[in-house]
Protein backbone atom coordinates (compact mmCIF):
# COMPACT_ATOMS: atom_id res chain seq x y z
CA MET A 1 90.16 -7.66 2.42
CA GLU A 2 86.66 -10.25 0.98
CA ASN A 3 87.54 -12.71 3.94
CA LEU A 4 87.69 -9.84 7.03
CA HIS A 5 83.53 -10.71 7.39
CA ILE A 6 85.08 -14.12 9.00
CA ILE A 7 87.22 -12.49 11.88
CA PRO A 8 83.65 -11.04 13.60
CA ILE A 9 82.73 -14.18 13.69
CA LEU A 10 86.17 -16.38 14.83
CA LEU A 11 86.36 -13.43 17.80
CA PHE A 12 82.51 -14.36 19.00
CA SER A 13 83.20 -17.94 18.96
CA VAL A 14 86.33 -17.55 20.43
CA ILE A 15 84.07 -15.88 23.34
CA VAL A 16 81.39 -17.76 23.69
CA HIS A 17 84.28 -21.03 23.79
CA GLU A 18 85.95 -19.29 27.21
CA VAL A 19 82.09 -18.35 28.52
CA ALA A 20 80.83 -21.29 27.88
CA HIS A 21 83.95 -22.60 30.23
CA GLY A 22 83.50 -20.25 32.92
CA TRP A 23 79.79 -20.05 33.48
CA MET A 24 80.08 -24.10 34.32
CA ALA A 25 83.15 -23.52 36.82
CA LEU A 26 80.09 -21.60 38.62
CA ARG A 27 78.00 -23.66 38.51
CA LEU A 28 79.70 -26.39 39.73
CA GLY A 29 80.99 -23.95 42.58
CA ASP A 30 83.80 -21.71 41.73
CA PRO A 31 82.69 -18.80 41.22
CA THR A 32 86.29 -16.78 40.12
CA ALA A 33 85.77 -16.21 36.06
CA ARG A 34 82.42 -14.64 37.23
CA ASP A 35 84.47 -12.67 40.13
CA ALA A 36 87.01 -11.41 37.54
CA GLY A 37 84.06 -10.46 35.20
CA ARG A 38 85.09 -13.31 32.77
CA ILE A 39 80.96 -14.76 31.85
CA THR A 40 79.93 -11.35 29.98
CA PHE A 41 79.95 -11.75 26.08
CA ASN A 42 81.87 -8.09 26.33
CA PRO A 43 84.68 -8.82 24.09
CA LEU A 44 87.16 -5.95 26.27
CA PRO A 45 87.96 -9.27 29.37
CA HIS A 46 88.49 -11.90 26.97
CA ILE A 47 90.28 -10.41 24.82
CA ASP A 48 94.10 -11.65 23.84
CA PRO A 49 95.97 -9.38 22.03
CA VAL A 50 98.08 -12.12 19.99
CA GLY A 51 95.75 -14.50 19.45
CA SER A 52 92.22 -12.84 19.68
CA VAL A 53 93.60 -10.60 16.77
CA LEU A 54 96.79 -9.75 15.18
CA LEU A 55 97.04 -14.38 14.00
CA PRO A 56 93.39 -14.27 13.19
CA ALA A 57 93.98 -11.55 10.62
CA VAL A 58 97.04 -11.95 9.98
CA LEU A 59 96.08 -15.71 8.47
CA VAL A 60 92.99 -14.19 6.95
CA LEU A 61 94.27 -11.81 5.19
CA THR A 62 97.29 -13.90 3.73
CA GLY A 63 94.60 -16.24 3.28
CA ALA A 64 95.81 -18.78 4.81
CA SER A 65 94.21 -23.31 4.99
CA PHE A 66 93.74 -22.94 8.76
CA PHE A 67 92.73 -20.14 11.46
CA LEU A 68 94.39 -20.60 15.01
CA ALA A 69 92.78 -18.05 17.23
CA TRP A 70 92.38 -17.59 21.82
CA ALA A 71 91.18 -15.67 23.80
CA LYS A 72 92.49 -15.32 27.48
CA PRO A 73 92.25 -18.10 28.90
CA VAL A 74 89.36 -18.00 31.99
CA PRO A 75 90.68 -18.15 35.20
CA VAL A 76 89.31 -21.13 37.40
CA ASN A 77 89.94 -22.77 40.33
CA SER A 78 89.28 -26.30 41.37
CA SER A 79 89.66 -26.45 44.61
CA TYR A 80 86.54 -25.57 44.99
CA PHE A 81 84.99 -28.56 43.36
CA GLN A 82 83.61 -31.29 45.76
CA ASN A 83 85.31 -34.04 42.82
CA PRO A 84 88.36 -32.15 40.87
CA ARG A 85 88.56 -35.09 38.35
CA ARG A 86 85.11 -34.58 37.24
CA ASP A 87 84.16 -31.79 37.60
CA ASP A 88 87.74 -30.36 35.24
CA ILE A 89 86.27 -32.49 32.71
CA LEU A 90 82.73 -31.40 33.00
CA VAL A 91 84.60 -27.75 33.07
CA SER A 92 87.40 -29.46 29.87
CA ALA A 93 83.83 -30.19 27.76
CA ILE A 94 82.12 -27.64 27.29
CA GLY A 95 84.36 -25.32 25.32
CA PRO A 96 83.74 -27.49 22.53
CA ILE A 97 80.13 -28.55 23.16
CA SER A 98 79.47 -25.07 22.73
CA ASN A 99 80.97 -23.97 19.79
CA LEU A 100 78.86 -27.52 17.96
CA VAL A 101 76.03 -25.51 19.56
CA VAL A 102 77.47 -22.20 18.27
CA ALA A 103 77.11 -24.18 14.64
CA PHE A 104 73.89 -25.65 15.11
CA PHE A 105 72.33 -21.84 16.20
CA CYS A 106 74.86 -20.37 12.74
CA VAL A 107 72.75 -23.22 10.25
CA ILE A 108 69.64 -22.67 11.85
CA ALA A 109 70.66 -18.53 11.01
CA PHE A 110 71.54 -19.33 8.25
CA ALA A 111 68.37 -20.71 6.60
CA ALA A 112 66.08 -18.58 8.44
CA LEU A 113 68.55 -15.37 6.69
CA TYR A 114 68.11 -16.93 3.29
CA HIS A 115 64.81 -17.34 3.13
CA ILE A 116 63.70 -13.31 3.90
CA ALA A 117 66.16 -12.57 1.73
CA GLN A 118 64.68 -15.03 -0.78
CA ALA A 119 60.87 -13.51 -0.29
CA GLY A 120 62.35 -9.60 -0.15
CA SER A 121 64.05 -10.91 -3.49
CA LEU A 122 67.23 -8.75 -1.54
CA ASP A 123 69.46 -7.18 -4.20
CA GLY A 124 73.56 -7.03 -2.95
CA SER A 125 73.57 -3.49 -4.98
CA THR A 126 71.97 -1.55 -2.16
CA MET A 127 71.88 -1.61 1.58
CA PRO A 128 69.69 -4.36 2.83
CA GLY A 129 70.89 -6.16 0.31
CA TYR A 130 74.65 -6.51 0.96
CA ALA A 131 74.45 -6.06 4.59
CA THR A 132 72.02 -9.82 4.23
CA GLU A 133 74.54 -10.88 2.31
CA VAL A 134 77.24 -10.19 4.45
CA ALA A 135 75.27 -11.85 6.65
CA LEU A 136 74.60 -15.11 4.90
CA ASN A 137 78.30 -15.06 4.24
CA MET A 138 79.82 -15.20 7.71
CA LEU A 139 76.97 -17.50 8.93
CA SER A 140 77.73 -20.05 6.27
CA VAL A 141 82.01 -19.99 7.40
CA GLY A 142 80.46 -19.50 11.25
CA ILE A 143 79.19 -23.52 10.19
CA PRO A 144 83.55 -24.90 9.94
CA ILE A 145 84.82 -21.99 11.82
CA ASN A 146 83.25 -23.41 15.65
CA ILE A 147 83.15 -27.70 14.51
CA VAL A 148 87.40 -26.77 13.76
CA LEU A 149 87.31 -24.95 17.74
CA ALA A 150 85.76 -27.50 18.96
CA LEU A 151 88.28 -30.21 17.27
CA PHE A 152 91.37 -28.22 17.59
CA ASN A 153 91.09 -27.50 21.52
CA LEU A 154 89.82 -31.78 21.46
CA LEU A 155 93.31 -32.76 21.29
CA PRO A 156 95.18 -34.43 24.12
CA VAL A 157 97.88 -30.81 23.63
CA PRO A 158 98.48 -29.02 25.93
CA PRO A 159 96.75 -26.66 27.11
CA LEU A 160 93.37 -26.95 24.95
CA ASP A 161 90.48 -28.67 26.37
CA GLY A 162 91.58 -32.66 24.85
CA SER A 163 94.71 -32.23 27.26
CA HIS A 164 92.82 -31.41 30.92
CA ILE A 165 90.21 -34.13 29.70
CA LEU A 166 92.71 -36.29 29.51
CA ALA A 167 94.56 -35.18 32.57
CA SER A 168 91.44 -35.39 34.70
CA LEU A 169 91.82 -39.24 33.35
CA LEU A 170 95.78 -40.62 33.60
CA PRO A 171 97.62 -41.50 36.80
CA ASP A 172 98.84 -38.59 39.52
CA ARG A 173 101.67 -38.31 38.72
CA VAL A 174 101.12 -39.56 35.25
CA ALA A 175 99.36 -36.57 35.17
CA ASN A 176 101.22 -34.29 36.49
CA ALA A 177 104.47 -34.87 34.43
CA TYR A 178 101.75 -34.70 31.16
CA ARG A 179 100.79 -31.50 32.51
CA GLN A 180 104.86 -29.46 32.57
CA ILE A 181 104.63 -29.54 28.75
CA GLY A 182 103.05 -25.98 29.55
CA PHE A 183 102.88 -23.66 26.55
CA MET A 184 105.22 -25.71 24.20
CA GLY A 185 101.95 -27.06 22.84
CA ILE A 186 101.58 -24.61 21.02
CA LEU A 187 104.99 -24.93 19.06
CA ILE A 188 103.75 -28.72 19.28
CA LEU A 189 100.67 -27.94 17.55
CA LEU A 190 102.53 -25.36 14.85
CA LEU A 191 104.36 -28.15 13.73
CA ALA A 192 101.54 -30.51 13.96
CA MET A 193 99.49 -28.53 11.30
CA ARG A 194 102.22 -28.46 9.08
CA TRP A 195 102.84 -32.20 9.03
CA GLU A 196 100.19 -33.63 6.67
CA PRO A 197 98.91 -37.17 8.26
CA PHE A 198 97.81 -34.12 10.91
CA GLN A 199 96.55 -32.22 7.81
CA LEU A 200 94.87 -35.13 6.72
CA ALA A 201 93.41 -36.52 9.19
CA PHE A 202 91.94 -33.49 11.47
CA GLY A 203 90.81 -32.61 8.08
CA THR A 204 88.82 -36.44 7.78
CA ALA A 205 87.26 -35.55 12.15
CA ARG A 206 86.25 -32.59 10.95
CA ALA A 207 84.27 -33.19 7.74
CA TRP A 208 82.69 -36.19 9.33
CA LEU A 209 81.74 -33.60 12.15
CA GLN A 210 80.51 -31.24 9.81
CA ALA A 211 78.05 -33.53 7.38
CA PRO A 212 75.22 -33.68 9.58
CA TYR A 213 75.72 -29.62 10.19
CA ASN A 214 76.09 -29.49 6.10
CA ILE A 215 72.76 -32.53 5.76
CA LEU A 216 70.77 -29.66 8.26
CA VAL A 217 71.66 -26.72 5.42
CA GLN A 218 70.35 -28.27 2.67
CA TRP A 219 67.09 -29.72 4.44
CA LEU A 220 66.38 -26.28 5.77
CA ILE A 221 67.09 -24.43 2.09
């Protein structure tokens, strides 16, 4: 139960990820996500009962060694794009980029709240002190969560963002065959996450990408 503070920041992060996709698509001429009411931070239109609630809760409550969550994919109609290959790459890439931005704001918010708590000598036994402690824990875990979300979504396995980027770089015939993997990619990912070499490579990449954020936290506090 002590890990429940992870769920709100995880849910917020996957929603930001999807909103970013819709926002970029709209900037490039595709109003589909806007018309579907998906460019909003209201969580209700984005929540996938399994990927946004059930699975993250089970993973958190069971103390799993990894986190996996997703929101409903934002609808995108590439026929609106002037340059479909380039624009699909931009729409796909903005999701992971948005998570890196959220991680940065978690750093800033954590440092600011830390100094406020220190200046106010807040006691964890009081309601304000307890709320501050929970918020600090949520912000601190928001950094690695968003790093993981960014890296995970960049994996070139359908239906993740990395697969859209790779497909847009491949010849049409190869790209079409590649996309046929579809949601079988989820099974591939679940198996890969239990494979030690993949875990090691992913963990190394995460540590490398998170290092500048850790340095910034130390500098700010």
